[in-house]
Protein backbone atom coordinates (compact mmCIF):
# COMPACT_ATOMS: atom_id res chain seq x y z
CA MET A 1 -83.65 139.02 -242.23
CA ALA A 2 -83.98 135.24 -241.77
CA GLN A 3 -84.91 135.83 -238.14
CA ALA A 4 -87.38 138.57 -239.08
CA SER A 5 -88.91 136.14 -241.60
CA ASP A 6 -89.15 133.39 -238.94
CA CYS A 7 -87.74 130.70 -241.25
CA ALA A 8 -86.69 128.41 -238.39
CA ALA A 9 -90.16 128.15 -236.83
CA CYS A 10 -91.61 126.37 -239.87
CA HIS A 11 -88.58 124.68 -241.43
CA THR A 12 -87.15 123.05 -238.29
CA ALA A 13 -89.02 120.08 -236.86
CA GLU A 14 -88.84 119.09 -233.20
CA ASP A 15 -85.60 117.17 -232.69
CA GLY A 16 -84.77 117.74 -236.36
CA GLU A 17 -81.79 119.42 -237.98
CA ASP A 18 -81.95 123.18 -238.44
CA TYR A 19 -83.92 124.21 -241.54
CA ALA A 20 -84.21 120.57 -242.71
CA GLY A 21 -88.02 120.70 -242.79
CA GLY A 22 -90.45 117.99 -241.77
CA LEU A 23 -92.74 120.10 -239.55
CA THR A 24 -96.37 119.04 -239.90
CA PHE A 25 -99.09 121.50 -240.89
CA GLU A 26 -102.75 120.61 -240.58
CA THR A 27 -104.89 121.91 -243.43
CA PRO A 28 -108.62 121.48 -244.10
CA VAL A 29 -107.78 118.90 -246.79
CA GLY A 30 -104.89 116.98 -245.21
CA GLU A 31 -101.42 117.24 -243.73
CA ILE A 32 -98.49 118.90 -245.45
CA PHE A 33 -94.87 119.11 -244.32
CA SER A 34 -92.34 121.90 -244.47
CA THR A 35 -89.43 121.35 -246.82
CA ASN A 36 -85.68 121.14 -246.48
CA ILE A 37 -84.29 124.62 -247.19
CA THR A 38 -80.66 123.84 -246.39
CA PRO A 39 -78.09 124.13 -249.21
CA ASP A 40 -78.01 120.35 -249.69
CA THR A 41 -77.95 119.78 -253.45
CA GLU A 42 -80.09 116.63 -253.43
CA HIS A 43 -82.85 117.24 -250.88
CA GLY A 44 -82.48 120.97 -250.20
CA ILE A 45 -82.14 124.11 -252.29
CA GLY A 46 -78.39 124.03 -252.92
CA ASN A 47 -78.89 124.19 -256.71
CA TYR A 48 -81.17 127.22 -256.63
CA THR A 49 -80.00 130.30 -258.51
CA LEU A 50 -80.76 133.75 -257.08
CA GLU A 51 -83.50 134.12 -259.71
CA GLU A 52 -85.13 130.83 -258.68
CA TYR A 53 -84.77 131.73 -255.00
CA THR A 54 -86.48 135.07 -255.65
CA ARG A 55 -89.30 133.38 -257.54
CA VAL A 56 -90.05 130.86 -254.81
CA LEU A 57 -90.16 133.59 -252.17
CA ARG A 58 -92.31 136.05 -254.11
CA GLU A 59 -94.43 133.78 -256.28
CA GLY A 60 -94.44 130.42 -254.51
CA GLU A 61 -92.96 128.58 -257.50
CA ALA A 62 -90.16 126.07 -256.85
CA ALA A 63 -87.13 125.67 -259.11
CA ASP A 64 -88.65 122.63 -260.86
CA GLY A 65 -91.79 124.64 -261.65
CA HIS A 66 -94.24 123.16 -259.13
CA ASN A 67 -96.32 125.61 -257.11
CA LEU A 68 -96.21 125.71 -253.33
CA TYR A 69 -99.22 125.51 -251.06
CA PRO A 70 -100.09 128.86 -249.43
CA ALA A 71 -98.95 127.59 -246.03
CA MET A 72 -95.73 129.13 -247.32
CA PRO A 73 -96.33 132.87 -246.81
CA PHE A 74 -95.20 133.93 -250.28
CA PRO A 75 -98.09 136.46 -250.54
CA SER A 76 -96.28 138.36 -247.75
CA TYR A 77 -92.74 137.61 -248.92
CA ALA A 78 -93.70 139.26 -252.22
CA ARG A 79 -93.01 142.46 -250.27
CA LEU A 80 -89.32 141.59 -249.76
CA THR A 81 -86.88 144.00 -251.39
CA ASP A 82 -84.25 142.84 -253.86
CA ASP A 83 -81.47 143.66 -251.40
CA ASP A 84 -83.08 141.64 -248.59
CA ILE A 85 -83.61 138.65 -250.89
CA LYS A 86 -79.95 138.81 -251.93
CA ALA A 87 -78.95 138.87 -248.25
CA LEU A 88 -81.24 135.92 -247.48
CA TYR A 89 -79.84 133.99 -250.42
CA ALA A 90 -76.25 134.56 -249.28
CA TRP A 91 -77.15 133.48 -245.72
CA ASN A 92 -79.06 130.44 -246.91
CA MET A 93 -76.29 129.20 -249.19
CA HIS A 94 -73.28 129.95 -246.98
CA ASP A 95 -74.33 130.07 -243.31
CA VAL A 96 -76.84 127.21 -243.10
CA GLU A 97 -75.44 123.70 -242.69
CA PRO A 98 -76.51 121.30 -245.46
CA SER A 99 -78.76 118.45 -244.39
CA SER A 100 -79.57 115.32 -246.37
CA THR A 101 -83.00 114.96 -244.74
CA PRO A 102 -85.45 114.00 -247.53
CA ASN A 103 -88.67 115.91 -248.03
CA ARG A 104 -91.99 114.27 -247.19
CA GLU A 105 -94.86 114.14 -249.63
CA SER A 106 -98.09 115.78 -248.55
CA GLU A 107 -100.94 113.60 -247.35
CA ILE A 108 -103.55 115.59 -249.23
CA PRO A 109 -105.53 113.05 -251.30
CA PHE A 110 -105.95 113.14 -255.08
CA PRO A 111 -107.24 115.20 -256.82
CA LEU A 112 -106.89 117.91 -254.18
CA ASN A 113 -103.11 117.42 -254.14
CA MET A 114 -102.68 118.64 -257.71
CA ARG A 115 -100.34 121.63 -257.77
CA TRP A 116 -101.31 123.42 -260.98
CA PRO A 117 -104.33 125.20 -259.42
CA MET A 118 -101.89 126.86 -257.01
CA GLY A 119 -100.55 128.88 -259.94
CA LEU A 120 -104.02 130.31 -260.49
CA TRP A 121 -104.34 130.86 -256.73
CA GLU A 122 -101.14 132.92 -256.73
CA GLU A 123 -102.36 135.04 -259.63
CA ILE A 124 -105.64 135.82 -257.86
CA PHE A 125 -104.69 136.07 -254.20
CA SER A 126 -101.07 137.25 -254.11
CA PRO A 127 -101.12 140.74 -255.61
CA LEU A 128 -98.45 142.52 -253.52
CA GLU A 129 -95.36 144.06 -255.09
CA PRO A 130 -91.88 144.55 -253.57
CA TRP A 131 -91.92 147.20 -250.87
CA GLN A 132 -91.55 150.89 -251.67
CA ASP A 133 -91.64 153.54 -248.97
CA THR A 134 -94.67 155.79 -248.67
CA ALA A 135 -93.36 159.34 -249.06
CA ASP A 136 -95.67 161.05 -246.57
CA LYS A 137 -94.99 158.53 -243.77
CA SER A 138 -92.17 158.52 -241.23
CA ALA A 139 -89.11 156.29 -241.49
CA ASP A 140 -90.37 154.27 -238.50
CA TRP A 141 -93.79 153.78 -240.07
CA ASN A 142 -92.29 152.62 -243.36
CA ARG A 143 -89.88 150.25 -241.67
CA GLY A 144 -92.65 148.88 -239.45
CA ALA A 145 -95.10 148.44 -242.32
CA TYR A 146 -92.45 146.58 -244.31
CA LEU A 147 -91.62 144.23 -241.44
CA VAL A 148 -95.27 143.54 -240.54
CA GLN A 149 -96.59 143.11 -244.08
CA GLY A 150 -93.49 141.45 -245.52
CA PRO A 151 -90.92 139.31 -243.70
CA GLY A 152 -92.89 139.19 -240.43
CA HIS A 153 -95.97 137.95 -242.36
CA CYS A 154 -98.16 138.81 -239.36
CA GLY A 155 -101.30 138.57 -241.45
CA SER A 156 -100.68 134.88 -242.12
CA CYS A 157 -101.95 134.15 -238.62
CA HIS A 158 -103.77 137.28 -237.49
CA THR A 159 -105.97 137.86 -240.56
CA GLU A 160 -108.98 135.67 -241.34
CA ARG A 161 -108.84 133.49 -244.42
CA GLY A 162 -111.48 132.93 -247.04
CA LEU A 163 -112.88 129.78 -248.61
CA ALA A 164 -109.81 129.37 -250.80
CA PHE A 165 -107.52 129.69 -247.77
CA GLN A 166 -106.52 133.18 -248.89
CA GLU A 167 -105.91 136.00 -246.45
CA LYS A 168 -108.89 138.32 -246.72
CA ALA A 169 -106.61 141.36 -246.46
CA LEU A 170 -102.87 141.85 -246.98
CA THR A 171 -102.38 145.47 -245.91
CA GLY A 172 -103.94 148.02 -243.58
CA ASP A 173 -105.72 149.56 -246.56
CA GLU A 174 -107.93 146.48 -246.82
CA GLU A 175 -110.80 145.65 -244.48
CA GLY A 176 -110.10 142.98 -241.90
CA TYR A 177 -106.30 143.20 -241.83
CA LEU A 178 -104.89 141.80 -238.56
CA GLY A 179 -108.37 141.60 -237.04
CA GLY A 180 -107.75 138.14 -235.54
CA ALA A 181 -108.16 134.54 -236.74
CA MET A 182 -107.79 130.90 -235.73
CA ILE A 183 -104.45 129.18 -236.37
CA GLU A 184 -103.54 125.60 -235.44
CA GLY A 185 -106.26 125.50 -232.77
CA TRP A 186 -105.16 128.79 -231.18
CA ARG A 187 -106.72 132.22 -231.43
CA ALA A 188 -104.38 134.77 -233.03
CA PHE A 189 -105.82 137.92 -231.50
CA ASN A 190 -106.78 141.26 -232.98
CA LEU A 191 -103.62 143.40 -233.48
CA THR A 192 -105.37 146.62 -234.44
CA PRO A 193 -105.57 149.52 -231.96
CA ASP A 194 -109.18 148.83 -231.07
CA ILE A 195 -109.58 149.91 -227.46
CA LYS A 196 -111.68 146.93 -226.46
CA ASP A 197 -110.83 143.98 -228.71
CA GLY A 198 -107.37 144.91 -229.94
CA LEU A 199 -104.23 146.65 -228.69
CA GLY A 200 -105.82 150.03 -228.05
CA SER A 201 -104.89 149.88 -224.37
CA TRP A 202 -101.26 149.04 -225.17
CA SER A 203 -98.54 151.64 -225.58
CA GLU A 204 -95.87 151.31 -228.25
CA GLN A 205 -93.45 150.27 -225.51
CA ASP A 206 -95.91 147.59 -224.38
CA ILE A 207 -95.81 146.10 -227.88
CA VAL A 208 -92.00 146.21 -227.94
CA THR A 209 -91.82 144.51 -224.54
CA TYR A 210 -94.23 141.75 -225.56
CA LEU A 211 -92.50 141.07 -228.88
CA SER A 212 -89.04 140.97 -227.33
CA THR A 213 -89.96 138.77 -224.35
CA GLY A 214 -93.31 137.11 -225.04
CA ASN A 215 -94.62 138.51 -221.77
CA LEU A 216 -96.40 141.74 -220.87
CA LYS A 217 -97.08 141.55 -217.15
CA GLY A 218 -100.74 141.95 -216.28
CA LYS A 219 -101.89 141.62 -219.89
CA ALA A 220 -100.60 138.83 -222.08
CA GLN A 221 -98.14 135.96 -222.54
CA ALA A 222 -97.16 134.17 -225.74
CA GLY A 223 -98.05 130.50 -226.15
CA GLY A 224 -98.52 128.10 -229.04
CA PRO A 225 -97.55 129.46 -232.47
CA MET A 226 -96.82 132.92 -231.03
CA ALA A 227 -94.33 131.40 -228.59
CA ASP A 228 -92.50 129.99 -231.62
CA VAL A 229 -92.48 133.45 -233.21
CA ILE A 230 -90.95 134.93 -230.05
CA THR A 231 -88.41 132.11 -229.72
CA HIS A 232 -87.19 132.03 -233.31
CA SER A 233 -87.83 135.58 -234.49
CA MET A 234 -88.94 138.57 -232.48
CA ARG A 235 -86.60 138.27 -229.49
CA HIS A 236 -83.63 138.47 -231.85
CA MET A 237 -84.72 141.72 -233.51
CA THR A 238 -83.42 145.15 -232.61
CA ASP A 239 -85.42 147.50 -230.43
CA GLU A 240 -85.46 149.92 -233.35
CA ASP A 241 -87.19 147.39 -235.60
CA LEU A 242 -89.64 146.34 -232.89
CA ASN A 243 -90.46 149.97 -232.17
CA ALA A 244 -91.07 150.54 -235.88
CA MET A 245 -93.50 147.61 -235.92
CA ALA A 246 -95.29 149.09 -232.91
CA VAL A 247 -95.57 152.47 -234.64
CA TYR A 248 -97.16 150.81 -237.65
CA LEU A 249 -99.55 148.62 -235.65
CA LYS A 250 -100.78 151.62 -233.66
CA SER A 251 -101.48 153.46 -236.91
CA LEU A 252 -103.82 150.82 -238.35
CA PRO A 253 -107.59 151.36 -238.48
CA ALA A 254 -109.18 149.99 -235.31
CA LEU A 255 -111.27 146.91 -236.01
CA ASN A 256 -114.08 145.75 -233.78
CA GLY A 257 -115.05 142.74 -235.83
CA LYS A 258 -114.33 139.94 -233.35
CA GLY A 259 -116.31 141.21 -230.35
CA GLU A 260 -114.03 139.63 -227.76
CA GLN A 261 -115.92 141.27 -224.91
CA GLY A 262 -119.42 141.13 -226.24
CA GLU A 263 -121.09 143.16 -228.96
CA ALA A 264 -118.53 144.96 -231.09
CA VAL A 265 -118.83 148.69 -231.61
CA ASN A 266 -116.30 151.09 -233.03
CA ASP A 267 -113.68 152.95 -231.03
CA ASP A 268 -115.42 156.31 -231.26
CA ASP A 269 -118.60 154.84 -229.77
CA ARG A 270 -116.65 153.13 -226.98
CA LYS A 271 -114.76 156.28 -226.09
CA ALA A 272 -117.94 158.33 -226.15
CA GLU A 273 -119.70 155.82 -223.88
CA ALA A 274 -116.70 155.75 -221.55
CA ALA A 275 -116.65 159.53 -221.44
CA LYS A 276 -120.36 159.69 -220.62
CA SER A 277 -119.85 157.16 -217.83
CA SER A 278 -116.96 159.18 -216.52
CA GLU A 279 -118.97 162.40 -216.59
CA LYS A 280 -121.76 160.71 -214.65
CA GLN A 281 -119.27 159.52 -212.06
CA ALA A 282 -117.91 163.02 -211.86
CA ASP A 283 -121.40 164.38 -211.23
CA ASP A 284 -122.02 161.75 -208.56
CA LYS A 285 -118.67 162.07 -206.83
CA GLY A 286 -117.67 165.61 -207.61
CA SER A 287 -114.48 164.47 -209.34
CA GLN A 288 -113.42 163.41 -212.81
CA ASP A 289 -112.54 159.69 -213.07
CA THR A 290 -110.50 158.13 -215.86
CA PRO A 291 -112.83 156.30 -218.28
CA GLN A 292 -112.51 152.54 -217.93
CA VAL A 293 -113.46 150.35 -220.88
CA ALA A 294 -113.83 146.60 -220.32
CA THR A 295 -111.19 144.77 -222.37
CA ARG A 296 -109.87 141.23 -222.38
CA PHE A 297 -106.84 142.57 -220.49
CA ASN A 298 -108.57 143.93 -217.37
CA GLN A 299 -111.04 141.22 -216.38
CA GLY A 300 -111.26 139.41 -213.04
CA ALA A 301 -109.82 139.85 -209.56
CA PRO A 302 -107.79 137.85 -207.00
CA ALA A 303 -109.54 134.73 -205.73
CA ASP A 304 -110.23 133.78 -202.11
CA ASP A 305 -112.17 130.56 -202.59
CA VAL A 306 -109.08 128.38 -203.00
CA LEU A 307 -107.79 129.44 -199.58
CA LEU A 308 -111.08 128.36 -198.02
CA LEU A 309 -110.68 124.84 -199.35
CA ARG A 310 -107.16 124.21 -198.13
CA GLY A 311 -107.08 121.44 -195.58
CA GLN A 312 -110.67 120.32 -196.21
CA PRO A 313 -111.53 116.71 -197.07
CA LEU A 314 -112.14 116.11 -200.78
CA ASP A 315 -115.74 115.04 -200.13
CA LYS A 316 -116.71 118.25 -198.32
CA ARG A 317 -117.50 121.73 -199.57
CA PRO A 318 -117.91 125.08 -197.80
CA ASP A 319 -121.30 125.58 -196.14
CA ASP A 320 -121.54 129.16 -197.32
CA GLU A 321 -121.85 129.25 -201.09
CA ASP A 322 -121.31 133.02 -201.05
CA LEU A 323 -117.67 132.33 -200.25
CA ILE A 324 -117.15 130.68 -203.61
CA GLY A 325 -118.92 133.27 -205.71
CA GLN A 326 -122.28 131.51 -205.96
CA LEU A 327 -120.79 129.07 -208.47
CA THR A 328 -122.80 125.97 -207.72
CA GLU A 329 -120.77 123.90 -210.18
CA ALA A 330 -117.40 125.40 -209.20
CA THR A 331 -116.22 123.16 -206.38
CA PRO A 332 -114.68 120.56 -208.74
CA GLY A 333 -112.95 123.40 -210.60
CA VAL A 334 -111.70 125.00 -207.40
CA ARG A 335 -110.18 121.73 -206.25
CA LEU A 336 -108.60 121.14 -209.66
CA TYR A 337 -107.13 124.64 -209.55
CA LEU A 338 -105.72 124.00 -206.09
CA GLY A 339 -104.15 120.73 -207.20
CA HIS A 340 -102.82 121.70 -210.62
CA CYS A 341 -102.43 125.47 -210.85
CA ALA A 342 -102.06 127.18 -207.48
CA MET A 343 -98.46 126.14 -206.88
CA CYS A 344 -97.26 128.37 -209.74
CA HIS A 345 -100.07 130.89 -210.23
CA GLY A 346 -100.78 131.34 -206.51
CA ALA A 347 -103.85 130.52 -204.45
CA ASP A 348 -105.29 133.90 -205.42
CA GLY A 349 -104.30 133.59 -209.10
CA ALA A 350 -101.96 136.59 -208.92
CA GLY A 351 -98.87 134.76 -210.17
CA THR A 352 -95.42 136.00 -209.17
CA GLN A 353 -94.25 139.58 -208.79
CA ASP A 354 -91.85 139.35 -211.71
CA GLY A 355 -94.58 138.00 -214.00
CA TYR A 356 -92.68 134.78 -214.80
CA TYR A 357 -95.72 132.89 -213.55
CA PRO A 358 -98.45 135.16 -214.90
CA SER A 359 -101.49 136.42 -213.11
CA LEU A 360 -104.66 134.67 -214.25
CA PHE A 361 -106.77 137.79 -213.79
CA HIS A 362 -106.00 140.77 -216.02
CA ASN A 363 -104.92 138.15 -218.51
CA SER A 364 -105.83 138.09 -222.20
CA VAL A 365 -106.43 134.32 -222.19
CA THR A 366 -108.93 134.16 -219.32
CA GLY A 367 -110.41 137.53 -220.32
CA SER A 368 -111.31 136.49 -223.86
CA VAL A 369 -114.61 135.01 -224.95
CA TYR A 370 -112.60 132.61 -227.09
CA PRO A 371 -111.79 129.59 -224.89
CA ASP A 372 -109.31 128.05 -227.33
CA ASN A 373 -106.06 129.52 -226.00
CA LEU A 374 -106.97 128.67 -222.42
CA ALA A 375 -107.67 125.07 -223.40
CA GLN A 376 -104.53 124.79 -225.50
CA ALA A 377 -102.33 126.18 -222.73
CA ILE A 378 -103.80 123.73 -220.20
CA LEU A 379 -103.62 120.69 -222.49
CA ASN A 380 -100.36 121.35 -224.33
CA GLY A 381 -98.48 123.64 -221.98
CA VAL A 382 -96.34 126.62 -222.93
CA GLN A 383 -92.70 126.66 -223.89
CA ARG A 384 -90.66 129.53 -225.29
CA GLU A 385 -87.16 130.88 -225.12
CA ASN A 386 -86.57 134.34 -223.75
CA ASN A 387 -83.31 136.22 -223.88
CA GLY A 388 -81.64 134.79 -220.81
CA HIS A 389 -84.06 132.09 -219.69
CA SER A 390 -86.67 129.57 -220.76
CA VAL A 391 -90.37 129.79 -219.98
CA PHE A 392 -92.18 126.54 -219.32
CA MET A 393 -95.65 125.40 -218.29
CA PRO A 394 -96.32 121.64 -218.19
CA ALA A 395 -98.99 120.03 -220.34
CA PHE A 396 -101.98 118.46 -218.58
CA ASP A 397 -103.38 116.60 -221.57
CA THR A 398 -102.91 113.19 -219.96
CA SER A 399 -103.70 114.40 -216.43
CA LEU A 400 -107.22 115.73 -216.97
CA THR A 401 -110.33 113.93 -218.15
CA ASP A 402 -112.72 115.80 -220.44
CA ASP A 403 -115.03 116.59 -217.53
CA GLU A 404 -112.13 117.81 -215.42
CA LEU A 405 -110.91 120.08 -218.22
CA ILE A 406 -114.36 121.65 -218.57
CA ASN A 407 -114.69 122.04 -214.79
CA LEU A 408 -111.30 123.72 -214.57
CA MET A 409 -111.94 126.03 -217.54
CA ASP A 410 -115.38 126.94 -216.22
CA TYR A 411 -113.83 127.93 -212.91
CA LEU A 412 -110.97 129.89 -214.50
CA GLU A 413 -113.29 131.78 -216.83
CA ASN A 414 -115.73 132.71 -214.11
CA ARG A 415 -113.25 133.53 -211.38
CA PHE A 416 -110.55 135.28 -213.41
CA GLY A 417 -112.48 136.31 -216.51
CA GLU A 418 -115.07 138.47 -214.78
CA GLY A 419 -116.78 139.47 -218.01
CA HIS A 420 -118.02 135.89 -218.46
CA GLN A 421 -119.89 135.61 -215.17
CA ALA A 422 -123.25 136.94 -216.29
CA LYS A 423 -123.23 134.77 -219.42
CA THR A 424 -121.97 131.58 -217.81
CA LEU A 425 -123.99 131.74 -214.62
CA ALA A 426 -127.18 132.59 -216.46
CA THR A 427 -126.81 129.52 -218.70
CA PRO A 428 -124.06 127.31 -217.27
CA ASP A 429 -125.17 124.25 -219.22
CA THR A 430 -124.97 126.18 -222.49
CA ARG A 431 -121.44 127.41 -221.83
CA ARG A 432 -120.27 123.99 -220.71
CA GLN A 433 -121.76 122.49 -223.86
CA GLN A 434 -119.87 125.06 -225.94
CA LEU A 435 -116.65 123.92 -224.29
CA SER A 436 -117.56 120.26 -224.68
CA ASP A 437 -118.25 120.70 -228.40
CA LYS A 438 -114.64 121.78 -228.95
CA LEU A 439 -112.97 118.97 -227.02
CA GLU A 440 -112.12 116.91 -230.09
CA ASP A 441 -110.41 119.88 -231.74
CA TRP A 442 -108.43 120.74 -228.61
CA ARG A 443 -107.28 117.19 -228.04
CA GLY A 444 -106.47 116.67 -231.70
CA GLU A 445 -108.83 113.73 -232.05
């Protein structure tokens, strides 16, 4: 249950002792730091009773009475059953090594750092009760709903928050649940079964594979906060639990609200349009084709422009612009790709056969209209643990100037994110300005 709840990801700092806290969280009003949850009696929670432990998990109220900031996902942990809280308490008190690491005070300035308003916040924005099965749903659905809504606290990242930093929805019965949001500079994507913007093109087994490994070849790879979730939580869970989560996710109402491939329309409209297109193709060709809907998972194609530049002097470009896709600003990006990316991802961007080095076309990061995850992966790299091996991509934060980052991203989006070509080529300066405007956020300045 501790792994399902992903305790380690937030309560273990880099190079710190397990569960001793100290991890930094950026909030709109200042930095806060995760706390020591080891059974140390001075700096940790070693003096907590089961009642106090239950209260802090479900209500966000510490043993001394102060209220926690909602970076702690107590609105989701309110779903935890009594038995699971007892099991967590026993684990926390007996299996975790005590650490004397002191807690750090938040850097939120006065008067915003006052805790008493958090009690009112909890009353208003944390309405969930401990989980009870829904009688007319399957055992898998109930188990999956419990894990997603409760210990997995998926909505903490994948559901948009309101002005008071509250999740706008806490269950699938509420509009906007798991429709996608920004978290720590990364885009947490739409998890609903929307065929275009969400996981509508994924099977239940696809979801299980991604959650257990962080990699779904030809579609998506986990980086940033999601890589931490895979490393500390999902890869340790049973296939039965992961399958239950997939069953629940596929049952949610499909949300179109983020428009990751242009104007959002609902699933029924998309399927109807795809069917009409397929019927027209059948009339033209005399055969019935499978409807193809453009998603962020099926954009782009292998590149040939990098091969054309190999062996050429740095001050020379191909004479025939057609060979580089009519991208008049792309030559700097092509050369940057050749120097920084091609060794792992291949000259054509296809990656490796086993998917360890992912393809850059048919990739959710290059296929999304949100550039944030692409920038974060380039600047900060990717690191996660898989069952049996580590996955690593180096960070290029200190290797690329701002202009080089924009040139590289512009090339990657246009070459491997085919859906962007019309927009970017029509107004390249506008798109480049959009990227430039976000540089300070991406570099943490």
